[in-house]
N, C-alpha and C. Protein backbone atom coordinates (compact mmCIF):
# COMPACT_ATOMS: atom_id res chain seq x y z
N UNK A 1 21.53 -56.35 -26.09
CA UNK A 1 20.50 -55.31 -26.15
C UNK A 1 20.11 -55.08 -27.60
N UNK A 2 18.84 -54.80 -27.80
CA UNK A 2 18.34 -54.52 -29.13
C UNK A 2 17.47 -53.29 -29.13
N UNK A 3 17.05 -52.92 -30.31
CA UNK A 3 16.16 -51.77 -30.45
C UNK A 3 14.73 -52.25 -30.62
N UNK A 4 13.81 -51.63 -29.92
CA UNK A 4 12.40 -51.96 -29.99
C UNK A 4 11.62 -50.74 -30.41
N UNK A 5 10.75 -50.90 -31.40
CA UNK A 5 9.92 -49.80 -31.86
C UNK A 5 8.88 -49.48 -30.80
N UNK A 6 8.61 -48.20 -30.62
CA UNK A 6 7.51 -47.77 -29.76
C UNK A 6 6.22 -47.99 -30.55
N UNK A 7 5.40 -48.94 -30.09
CA UNK A 7 4.18 -49.31 -30.80
C UNK A 7 2.98 -48.83 -30.00
N UNK A 8 2.11 -48.10 -30.64
CA UNK A 8 0.90 -47.58 -30.02
C UNK A 8 0.31 -46.51 -30.91
N UNK A 9 -0.57 -45.70 -30.33
CA UNK A 9 -1.18 -44.61 -31.08
C UNK A 9 -0.33 -43.35 -30.95
N UNK A 10 -0.19 -42.66 -32.07
CA UNK A 10 0.53 -41.39 -32.10
C UNK A 10 -0.45 -40.29 -32.48
N UNK A 11 -0.28 -39.16 -31.84
CA UNK A 11 -1.11 -37.99 -32.13
C UNK A 11 -0.23 -36.79 -32.45
N UNK A 12 -0.69 -36.02 -33.41
CA UNK A 12 -0.15 -34.69 -33.64
C UNK A 12 -1.23 -33.73 -33.16
N UNK A 13 -0.88 -32.87 -32.20
CA UNK A 13 -1.86 -32.02 -31.54
C UNK A 13 -1.42 -30.57 -31.62
N UNK A 14 -2.40 -29.69 -31.84
CA UNK A 14 -2.18 -28.25 -31.83
C UNK A 14 -2.40 -27.75 -30.39
N UNK A 15 -1.35 -27.22 -29.78
CA UNK A 15 -1.42 -26.61 -28.46
C UNK A 15 -1.27 -25.10 -28.62
N UNK A 16 -1.95 -24.32 -27.78
CA UNK A 16 -1.74 -22.88 -27.83
C UNK A 16 -0.54 -22.51 -26.97
N UNK A 17 -0.22 -21.21 -26.88
CA UNK A 17 0.96 -20.76 -26.15
C UNK A 17 0.84 -20.99 -24.64
N UNK A 18 -0.35 -21.28 -24.14
CA UNK A 18 -0.55 -21.61 -22.73
C UNK A 18 -0.54 -23.11 -22.47
N UNK A 19 -0.12 -23.89 -23.46
CA UNK A 19 -0.06 -25.35 -23.38
C UNK A 19 -1.43 -25.99 -23.17
N UNK A 20 -2.43 -25.41 -23.79
CA UNK A 20 -3.78 -25.98 -23.80
C UNK A 20 -3.99 -26.64 -25.16
N UNK A 21 -4.40 -27.90 -25.14
CA UNK A 21 -4.65 -28.62 -26.39
C UNK A 21 -5.87 -28.02 -27.07
N UNK A 22 -5.72 -27.61 -28.32
CA UNK A 22 -6.82 -27.02 -29.08
C UNK A 22 -7.44 -28.00 -30.06
N UNK A 23 -6.62 -28.83 -30.70
CA UNK A 23 -7.15 -29.75 -31.72
C UNK A 23 -6.21 -30.92 -31.93
N UNK A 24 -6.78 -32.11 -32.06
CA UNK A 24 -6.01 -33.28 -32.49
C UNK A 24 -6.01 -33.24 -34.01
N UNK A 25 -4.83 -33.07 -34.59
CA UNK A 25 -4.72 -32.91 -36.04
C UNK A 25 -4.73 -34.26 -36.76
N UNK A 26 -4.14 -35.26 -36.15
CA UNK A 26 -4.20 -36.62 -36.67
C UNK A 26 -3.86 -37.59 -35.55
N UNK A 27 -4.45 -38.77 -35.62
CA UNK A 27 -4.14 -39.84 -34.68
C UNK A 27 -4.13 -41.14 -35.45
N UNK A 28 -3.01 -41.83 -35.40
CA UNK A 28 -2.86 -43.09 -36.12
C UNK A 28 -2.00 -44.03 -35.30
N UNK A 29 -2.12 -45.32 -35.60
CA UNK A 29 -1.32 -46.33 -34.93
C UNK A 29 0.08 -46.35 -35.55
N UNK A 30 1.05 -46.77 -34.76
CA UNK A 30 2.45 -46.82 -35.22
C UNK A 30 2.62 -47.63 -36.49
N UNK A 31 1.85 -48.69 -36.65
CA UNK A 31 2.01 -49.53 -37.84
C UNK A 31 1.55 -48.82 -39.11
N UNK A 32 0.82 -47.73 -38.97
CA UNK A 32 0.47 -46.94 -40.15
C UNK A 32 1.63 -46.03 -40.55
N UNK A 33 2.49 -45.70 -39.57
CA UNK A 33 3.63 -44.83 -39.84
C UNK A 33 4.89 -45.62 -40.21
N UNK A 34 5.05 -46.82 -39.64
CA UNK A 34 6.26 -47.61 -39.89
C UNK A 34 5.93 -49.08 -39.67
N UNK A 35 6.43 -49.91 -40.52
CA UNK A 35 6.18 -51.34 -40.41
C UNK A 35 7.36 -52.02 -39.73
N UNK A 36 7.10 -52.77 -38.67
CA UNK A 36 8.15 -53.53 -37.99
C UNK A 36 9.08 -52.65 -37.19
N UNK A 37 10.28 -53.13 -36.95
CA UNK A 37 11.25 -52.41 -36.12
C UNK A 37 12.22 -51.57 -36.93
N UNK A 38 11.93 -51.33 -38.18
CA UNK A 38 12.82 -50.52 -39.00
C UNK A 38 12.13 -49.24 -39.43
N UNK A 39 12.93 -48.24 -39.70
CA UNK A 39 12.38 -46.99 -40.21
C UNK A 39 11.79 -47.24 -41.59
N UNK A 40 10.68 -46.59 -41.91
CA UNK A 40 10.04 -46.83 -43.21
C UNK A 40 10.90 -46.34 -44.36
N UNK A 41 10.81 -47.06 -45.45
CA UNK A 41 11.59 -46.69 -46.63
C UNK A 41 10.71 -46.31 -47.81
N UNK A 42 9.47 -46.77 -47.84
CA UNK A 42 8.58 -46.48 -48.96
C UNK A 42 7.58 -45.39 -48.56
N UNK A 43 7.82 -44.17 -49.01
CA UNK A 43 6.97 -43.04 -48.61
C UNK A 43 5.55 -43.18 -49.12
N UNK A 44 5.34 -43.97 -50.18
CA UNK A 44 3.99 -44.11 -50.72
C UNK A 44 3.05 -44.85 -49.78
N UNK A 45 3.60 -45.63 -48.84
CA UNK A 45 2.76 -46.39 -47.92
C UNK A 45 2.43 -45.61 -46.65
N UNK A 46 3.00 -44.45 -46.47
CA UNK A 46 2.78 -43.67 -45.25
C UNK A 46 1.48 -42.88 -45.33
N UNK A 47 0.87 -42.57 -44.16
CA UNK A 47 -0.35 -41.76 -44.19
C UNK A 47 -0.04 -40.34 -44.65
N UNK A 48 -1.01 -39.72 -45.31
CA UNK A 48 -0.82 -38.35 -45.77
C UNK A 48 -1.75 -37.42 -45.01
N UNK A 49 -1.44 -36.16 -45.08
CA UNK A 49 -2.22 -35.11 -44.42
C UNK A 49 -2.85 -34.25 -45.50
N UNK A 50 -4.12 -33.99 -45.37
CA UNK A 50 -4.80 -33.06 -46.27
C UNK A 50 -4.66 -31.67 -45.67
N UNK A 51 -3.96 -30.79 -46.35
CA UNK A 51 -3.70 -29.45 -45.83
C UNK A 51 -4.99 -28.70 -45.53
N UNK A 52 -6.05 -28.99 -46.26
CA UNK A 52 -7.32 -28.28 -46.05
C UNK A 52 -8.00 -28.70 -44.75
N UNK A 53 -7.62 -29.86 -44.19
CA UNK A 53 -8.21 -30.32 -42.94
C UNK A 53 -7.44 -29.83 -41.71
N UNK A 54 -6.29 -29.25 -41.90
CA UNK A 54 -5.44 -28.81 -40.79
C UNK A 54 -5.85 -27.43 -40.28
N UNK A 55 -5.74 -27.26 -38.97
CA UNK A 55 -5.95 -25.93 -38.41
C UNK A 55 -4.69 -25.10 -38.62
N UNK A 56 -4.84 -23.79 -38.54
CA UNK A 56 -3.69 -22.90 -38.65
C UNK A 56 -3.07 -22.79 -37.27
N UNK A 57 -1.78 -23.11 -37.19
CA UNK A 57 -1.05 -23.02 -35.93
C UNK A 57 -0.26 -21.72 -35.99
N UNK A 58 -0.62 -20.78 -35.12
CA UNK A 58 -0.05 -19.43 -35.18
C UNK A 58 1.17 -19.27 -34.30
N UNK A 59 1.79 -18.09 -34.39
CA UNK A 59 3.03 -17.83 -33.66
C UNK A 59 2.88 -18.17 -32.18
N UNK A 60 3.93 -18.76 -31.63
CA UNK A 60 4.05 -19.19 -30.25
C UNK A 60 3.21 -20.42 -29.92
N UNK A 61 2.31 -20.87 -30.81
CA UNK A 61 1.59 -22.12 -30.61
C UNK A 61 2.55 -23.28 -30.91
N UNK A 62 2.12 -24.49 -30.56
CA UNK A 62 3.00 -25.65 -30.70
C UNK A 62 2.32 -26.78 -31.47
N UNK A 63 3.13 -27.50 -32.23
CA UNK A 63 2.74 -28.76 -32.83
C UNK A 63 3.39 -29.83 -31.96
N UNK A 64 2.57 -30.63 -31.27
CA UNK A 64 3.06 -31.57 -30.27
C UNK A 64 2.87 -33.00 -30.77
N UNK A 65 3.89 -33.84 -30.53
CA UNK A 65 3.82 -35.26 -30.85
C UNK A 65 3.61 -36.03 -29.54
N UNK A 66 2.52 -36.81 -29.48
CA UNK A 66 2.18 -37.62 -28.31
C UNK A 66 2.15 -39.08 -28.69
N UNK A 67 2.39 -39.97 -27.70
CA UNK A 67 2.30 -41.41 -27.93
C UNK A 67 1.57 -42.05 -26.75
N UNK A 68 0.77 -43.08 -27.06
CA UNK A 68 0.11 -43.93 -26.07
C UNK A 68 0.45 -45.36 -26.46
N UNK A 69 1.33 -46.00 -25.70
CA UNK A 69 1.88 -47.31 -26.06
C UNK A 69 0.88 -48.44 -25.87
N UNK A 70 0.99 -49.46 -26.71
CA UNK A 70 0.16 -50.66 -26.59
C UNK A 70 0.62 -51.53 -25.43
N UNK A 71 1.93 -51.62 -25.22
CA UNK A 71 2.51 -52.47 -24.18
C UNK A 71 3.55 -51.68 -23.39
N UNK A 72 3.80 -52.12 -22.16
CA UNK A 72 4.86 -51.51 -21.35
C UNK A 72 6.21 -51.81 -21.98
N UNK A 73 7.12 -50.85 -21.88
CA UNK A 73 8.49 -51.02 -22.37
C UNK A 73 9.43 -50.54 -21.26
N UNK A 74 10.43 -51.34 -20.95
CA UNK A 74 11.49 -50.89 -20.05
C UNK A 74 12.72 -50.65 -20.89
N UNK A 75 13.15 -49.42 -20.88
CA UNK A 75 14.27 -49.00 -21.72
C UNK A 75 15.58 -49.14 -20.96
N UNK A 76 16.62 -49.53 -21.66
CA UNK A 76 17.96 -49.64 -21.07
C UNK A 76 18.90 -48.83 -21.94
N UNK A 77 19.26 -47.68 -21.45
CA UNK A 77 20.08 -46.77 -22.23
C UNK A 77 20.87 -45.88 -21.30
N UNK A 78 22.03 -45.48 -21.73
CA UNK A 78 22.81 -44.53 -20.95
C UNK A 78 22.99 -43.21 -21.68
N UNK A 79 22.43 -43.12 -22.88
CA UNK A 79 22.55 -41.88 -23.64
C UNK A 79 21.24 -41.58 -24.35
N UNK A 80 21.12 -40.38 -24.86
CA UNK A 80 19.91 -39.99 -25.58
C UNK A 80 19.79 -40.83 -26.85
N UNK A 81 18.62 -41.41 -27.03
CA UNK A 81 18.42 -42.26 -28.19
C UNK A 81 17.55 -41.62 -29.24
N UNK A 82 17.39 -40.33 -29.20
CA UNK A 82 16.59 -39.69 -30.23
C UNK A 82 17.23 -39.84 -31.60
N UNK A 83 18.50 -40.24 -31.61
CA UNK A 83 19.14 -40.52 -32.90
C UNK A 83 18.48 -41.73 -33.58
N UNK A 84 17.76 -42.55 -32.82
CA UNK A 84 17.05 -43.70 -33.39
C UNK A 84 15.65 -43.32 -33.86
N UNK A 85 15.27 -42.07 -33.71
CA UNK A 85 13.93 -41.62 -34.07
C UNK A 85 13.96 -41.01 -35.46
N UNK A 86 12.99 -41.37 -36.29
CA UNK A 86 12.85 -40.81 -37.63
C UNK A 86 11.50 -40.11 -37.70
N UNK A 87 11.52 -38.81 -37.84
CA UNK A 87 10.30 -38.02 -37.97
C UNK A 87 10.40 -37.22 -39.26
N UNK A 88 9.35 -37.27 -40.06
CA UNK A 88 9.21 -36.40 -41.23
C UNK A 88 7.78 -35.93 -41.24
N UNK A 89 7.58 -34.67 -40.89
CA UNK A 89 6.24 -34.09 -40.79
C UNK A 89 6.16 -32.90 -41.74
N UNK A 90 5.39 -33.02 -42.82
CA UNK A 90 5.30 -31.94 -43.80
C UNK A 90 4.42 -30.80 -43.28
N UNK A 91 4.91 -29.59 -43.45
CA UNK A 91 4.13 -28.40 -43.09
C UNK A 91 4.22 -27.38 -44.21
N UNK A 92 3.26 -26.47 -44.23
CA UNK A 92 3.34 -25.29 -45.08
C UNK A 92 3.56 -24.12 -44.13
N UNK A 93 4.68 -23.46 -44.30
CA UNK A 93 5.11 -22.38 -43.42
C UNK A 93 4.74 -21.04 -44.08
N UNK A 94 4.17 -20.13 -43.30
CA UNK A 94 3.80 -18.82 -43.84
C UNK A 94 4.39 -17.71 -42.98
N UNK A 95 5.08 -16.78 -43.62
CA UNK A 95 5.55 -15.58 -42.95
C UNK A 95 4.38 -14.59 -42.96
N UNK A 96 3.83 -14.30 -41.80
CA UNK A 96 2.64 -13.45 -41.70
C UNK A 96 2.91 -12.01 -42.11
N UNK A 97 4.14 -11.56 -41.95
CA UNK A 97 4.48 -10.17 -42.30
C UNK A 97 4.52 -9.98 -43.81
N UNK A 98 5.18 -10.93 -44.51
CA UNK A 98 5.33 -10.78 -45.96
C UNK A 98 4.27 -11.55 -46.75
N UNK A 99 3.64 -12.53 -46.12
CA UNK A 99 2.67 -13.36 -46.82
C UNK A 99 3.29 -14.51 -47.61
N UNK A 100 4.62 -14.61 -47.59
CA UNK A 100 5.30 -15.68 -48.33
C UNK A 100 5.03 -17.04 -47.68
N UNK A 101 4.78 -18.05 -48.52
CA UNK A 101 4.57 -19.42 -48.06
C UNK A 101 5.61 -20.33 -48.69
N UNK A 102 6.01 -21.35 -47.95
CA UNK A 102 6.89 -22.36 -48.52
C UNK A 102 6.69 -23.69 -47.81
N UNK A 103 7.03 -24.76 -48.52
CA UNK A 103 6.92 -26.10 -47.97
C UNK A 103 8.16 -26.41 -47.15
N UNK A 104 7.94 -27.15 -46.07
CA UNK A 104 9.05 -27.57 -45.22
C UNK A 104 8.66 -28.92 -44.64
N UNK A 105 9.63 -29.78 -44.43
CA UNK A 105 9.39 -31.04 -43.76
C UNK A 105 10.18 -31.03 -42.47
N UNK A 106 9.46 -31.07 -41.35
CA UNK A 106 10.11 -31.06 -40.04
C UNK A 106 10.71 -32.43 -39.75
N UNK A 107 11.90 -32.42 -39.16
CA UNK A 107 12.52 -33.67 -38.71
C UNK A 107 12.62 -33.62 -37.19
N UNK A 108 13.08 -34.68 -36.60
CA UNK A 108 13.21 -34.74 -35.15
C UNK A 108 14.11 -33.61 -34.64
N UNK A 109 15.05 -33.15 -35.46
CA UNK A 109 15.97 -32.08 -35.06
C UNK A 109 15.30 -30.72 -34.95
N UNK A 110 14.11 -30.55 -35.54
CA UNK A 110 13.39 -29.29 -35.48
C UNK A 110 12.57 -29.16 -34.20
N UNK A 111 12.43 -30.24 -33.45
CA UNK A 111 11.57 -30.27 -32.28
C UNK A 111 12.35 -29.97 -31.01
N UNK A 112 11.64 -29.41 -30.03
CA UNK A 112 12.19 -29.17 -28.69
C UNK A 112 11.71 -30.30 -27.79
N UNK A 113 12.51 -30.59 -26.78
CA UNK A 113 12.19 -31.68 -25.88
C UNK A 113 12.14 -31.25 -24.42
N UNK A 114 12.19 -29.94 -24.16
CA UNK A 114 12.07 -29.44 -22.81
C UNK A 114 10.69 -29.78 -22.26
N UNK A 115 10.64 -30.49 -21.17
CA UNK A 115 9.37 -30.88 -20.58
C UNK A 115 8.77 -32.13 -21.19
N UNK A 116 9.40 -32.67 -22.21
CA UNK A 116 8.90 -33.89 -22.86
C UNK A 116 9.50 -35.12 -22.17
N UNK A 117 8.92 -36.27 -22.45
CA UNK A 117 9.45 -37.53 -21.92
C UNK A 117 10.76 -37.83 -22.63
N UNK A 118 11.78 -38.09 -21.87
CA UNK A 118 13.10 -38.32 -22.45
C UNK A 118 13.50 -39.79 -22.32
N UNK A 119 14.18 -40.32 -23.33
CA UNK A 119 14.76 -41.65 -23.17
C UNK A 119 15.74 -41.62 -22.00
N UNK A 120 15.77 -42.70 -21.22
CA UNK A 120 16.65 -42.72 -20.04
C UNK A 120 16.95 -44.16 -19.65
N UNK A 121 18.02 -44.33 -18.90
CA UNK A 121 18.41 -45.64 -18.41
C UNK A 121 17.34 -46.19 -17.47
N UNK A 122 16.88 -47.39 -17.72
CA UNK A 122 15.88 -48.10 -16.90
C UNK A 122 14.54 -47.38 -16.83
N UNK A 123 14.23 -46.57 -17.82
CA UNK A 123 12.94 -45.88 -17.83
C UNK A 123 11.83 -46.86 -18.18
N UNK A 124 10.74 -46.78 -17.43
CA UNK A 124 9.57 -47.62 -17.70
C UNK A 124 8.53 -46.78 -18.44
N UNK A 125 8.21 -47.17 -19.66
CA UNK A 125 7.17 -46.54 -20.46
C UNK A 125 5.92 -47.40 -20.27
N UNK A 126 4.87 -46.84 -19.70
CA UNK A 126 3.67 -47.58 -19.33
C UNK A 126 2.60 -47.43 -20.40
N UNK A 127 1.94 -48.54 -20.72
CA UNK A 127 0.86 -48.48 -21.71
C UNK A 127 -0.34 -47.77 -21.11
N UNK A 128 -1.17 -47.21 -21.98
CA UNK A 128 -2.39 -46.55 -21.54
C UNK A 128 -2.21 -45.12 -21.06
N UNK A 129 -1.01 -44.56 -21.20
CA UNK A 129 -0.73 -43.19 -20.76
C UNK A 129 -0.19 -42.41 -21.95
N UNK A 130 -0.66 -41.17 -22.12
CA UNK A 130 -0.15 -40.33 -23.20
C UNK A 130 1.13 -39.65 -22.76
N UNK A 131 2.19 -39.82 -23.56
CA UNK A 131 3.48 -39.19 -23.31
C UNK A 131 3.75 -38.16 -24.39
N UNK A 132 4.23 -36.98 -23.98
CA UNK A 132 4.66 -35.98 -24.95
C UNK A 132 6.10 -36.32 -25.35
N UNK A 133 6.31 -36.53 -26.65
CA UNK A 133 7.65 -36.86 -27.13
C UNK A 133 8.44 -35.63 -27.54
N UNK A 134 7.76 -34.56 -27.94
CA UNK A 134 8.43 -33.34 -28.35
C UNK A 134 7.44 -32.37 -28.96
N UNK A 135 7.91 -31.14 -29.21
CA UNK A 135 7.04 -30.13 -29.79
C UNK A 135 7.84 -29.18 -30.67
N UNK A 136 7.15 -28.64 -31.66
CA UNK A 136 7.70 -27.61 -32.53
C UNK A 136 6.94 -26.33 -32.23
N UNK A 137 7.65 -25.29 -31.79
CA UNK A 137 7.01 -24.00 -31.49
C UNK A 137 7.15 -23.09 -32.69
N UNK A 138 6.03 -22.55 -33.12
CA UNK A 138 6.00 -21.70 -34.30
C UNK A 138 6.67 -20.36 -33.97
N UNK A 139 7.63 -19.92 -34.81
CA UNK A 139 8.33 -18.67 -34.55
C UNK A 139 7.41 -17.44 -34.66
N UNK A 140 7.88 -16.31 -34.15
CA UNK A 140 7.13 -15.05 -34.22
C UNK A 140 6.85 -14.67 -35.67
N UNK A 141 5.73 -14.01 -35.89
CA UNK A 141 5.28 -13.52 -37.19
C UNK A 141 5.15 -14.64 -38.23
N UNK A 142 4.81 -15.85 -37.75
CA UNK A 142 4.70 -17.00 -38.64
C UNK A 142 3.47 -17.81 -38.29
N UNK A 143 3.07 -18.66 -39.21
CA UNK A 143 2.03 -19.65 -38.96
C UNK A 143 2.36 -20.87 -39.80
N UNK A 144 1.81 -22.02 -39.40
CA UNK A 144 2.01 -23.25 -40.16
C UNK A 144 0.69 -23.99 -40.28
N UNK A 145 0.63 -24.86 -41.27
CA UNK A 145 -0.45 -25.83 -41.43
C UNK A 145 0.22 -27.16 -41.73
N UNK A 146 -0.37 -28.24 -41.22
CA UNK A 146 0.14 -29.56 -41.56
C UNK A 146 -0.12 -29.82 -43.03
N UNK A 147 0.85 -30.43 -43.70
CA UNK A 147 0.70 -30.82 -45.08
C UNK A 147 1.30 -29.83 -46.06
N UNK A 148 1.42 -30.30 -47.29
CA UNK A 148 1.90 -29.47 -48.40
C UNK A 148 0.78 -29.36 -49.41
N UNK A 149 0.86 -28.32 -50.22
CA UNK A 149 0.00 -28.33 -51.41
C UNK A 149 0.57 -29.43 -52.29
N UNK A 150 -0.27 -30.28 -52.79
CA UNK A 150 0.18 -31.51 -53.43
C UNK A 150 0.97 -31.23 -54.70
N UNK A 151 2.20 -31.73 -54.71
CA UNK A 151 3.05 -31.69 -55.89
C UNK A 151 3.09 -33.08 -56.52
N UNK A 152 3.40 -34.07 -55.70
CA UNK A 152 3.42 -35.46 -56.12
C UNK A 152 2.54 -36.21 -55.13
N UNK A 153 1.34 -36.54 -55.54
CA UNK A 153 0.33 -37.10 -54.65
C UNK A 153 0.81 -38.40 -53.99
N UNK A 154 1.76 -39.08 -54.59
CA UNK A 154 2.23 -40.35 -54.03
C UNK A 154 3.12 -40.16 -52.81
N UNK A 155 3.87 -39.07 -52.73
CA UNK A 155 4.83 -38.93 -51.63
C UNK A 155 4.74 -37.62 -50.87
N UNK A 156 4.20 -36.57 -51.47
CA UNK A 156 4.13 -35.30 -50.78
C UNK A 156 3.06 -35.35 -49.69
N UNK A 157 3.27 -34.68 -48.61
CA UNK A 157 2.38 -34.63 -47.46
C UNK A 157 2.28 -35.97 -46.73
N UNK A 158 3.26 -36.83 -46.88
CA UNK A 158 3.31 -38.09 -46.15
C UNK A 158 4.04 -37.87 -44.82
N UNK A 159 3.52 -38.50 -43.77
CA UNK A 159 4.10 -38.36 -42.44
C UNK A 159 4.83 -39.65 -42.07
N UNK A 160 6.02 -39.51 -41.50
CA UNK A 160 6.74 -40.64 -40.93
C UNK A 160 7.01 -40.33 -39.47
N UNK A 161 6.58 -41.22 -38.58
CA UNK A 161 6.90 -41.15 -37.16
C UNK A 161 7.38 -42.54 -36.76
N UNK A 162 8.65 -42.65 -36.45
CA UNK A 162 9.22 -43.94 -36.04
C UNK A 162 10.14 -43.67 -34.87
N UNK A 163 9.89 -44.36 -33.77
CA UNK A 163 10.72 -44.24 -32.58
C UNK A 163 11.20 -45.62 -32.17
N UNK A 164 12.47 -45.74 -31.90
CA UNK A 164 13.01 -46.99 -31.38
C UNK A 164 13.72 -46.69 -30.07
N UNK A 165 13.66 -47.64 -29.16
CA UNK A 165 14.32 -47.54 -27.86
C UNK A 165 15.22 -48.76 -27.69
N UNK A 166 16.31 -48.61 -26.94
CA UNK A 166 17.17 -49.74 -26.65
C UNK A 166 16.61 -50.49 -25.45
N UNK A 167 16.31 -51.76 -25.65
CA UNK A 167 15.76 -52.60 -24.58
C UNK A 167 16.62 -53.85 -24.46
N UNK A 168 16.44 -54.56 -23.36
CA UNK A 168 17.23 -55.78 -23.17
C UNK A 168 16.54 -56.96 -23.80
């Protein structure tokens, strides 16, 4: 058994608290986020997010990661393989009560997977269908925007989305 990268289009979408999609924040092919079957190592080659182009995601809204695969994949796994997923999504977090802002980079561990597509033994991932991989729900009295105010234009606000599945 080996690991196979999930190859297709990935979307970051703003959903409201009623799970209605409000805006597609970015959509790119997997090869723009990671080259080959390995997690990316050079942050300068990753796509960046312009914070001024992002919508404000308010409390209880969600930042959702979706995938639409190029080819069918049949997964063979007996345990959760999210440990093979590398996500780095830069956000600017704002406390609405105090007005304080700070930079944060979300990882796969910051996301919830309730109701999302889960890796599973003998799971068939079909091409041409959008799958929700996970979501980040904005806490109360907070808001976020994708991206950072640029500190180092070469690496700041770069997004990494890499998913691998165990296949035969």
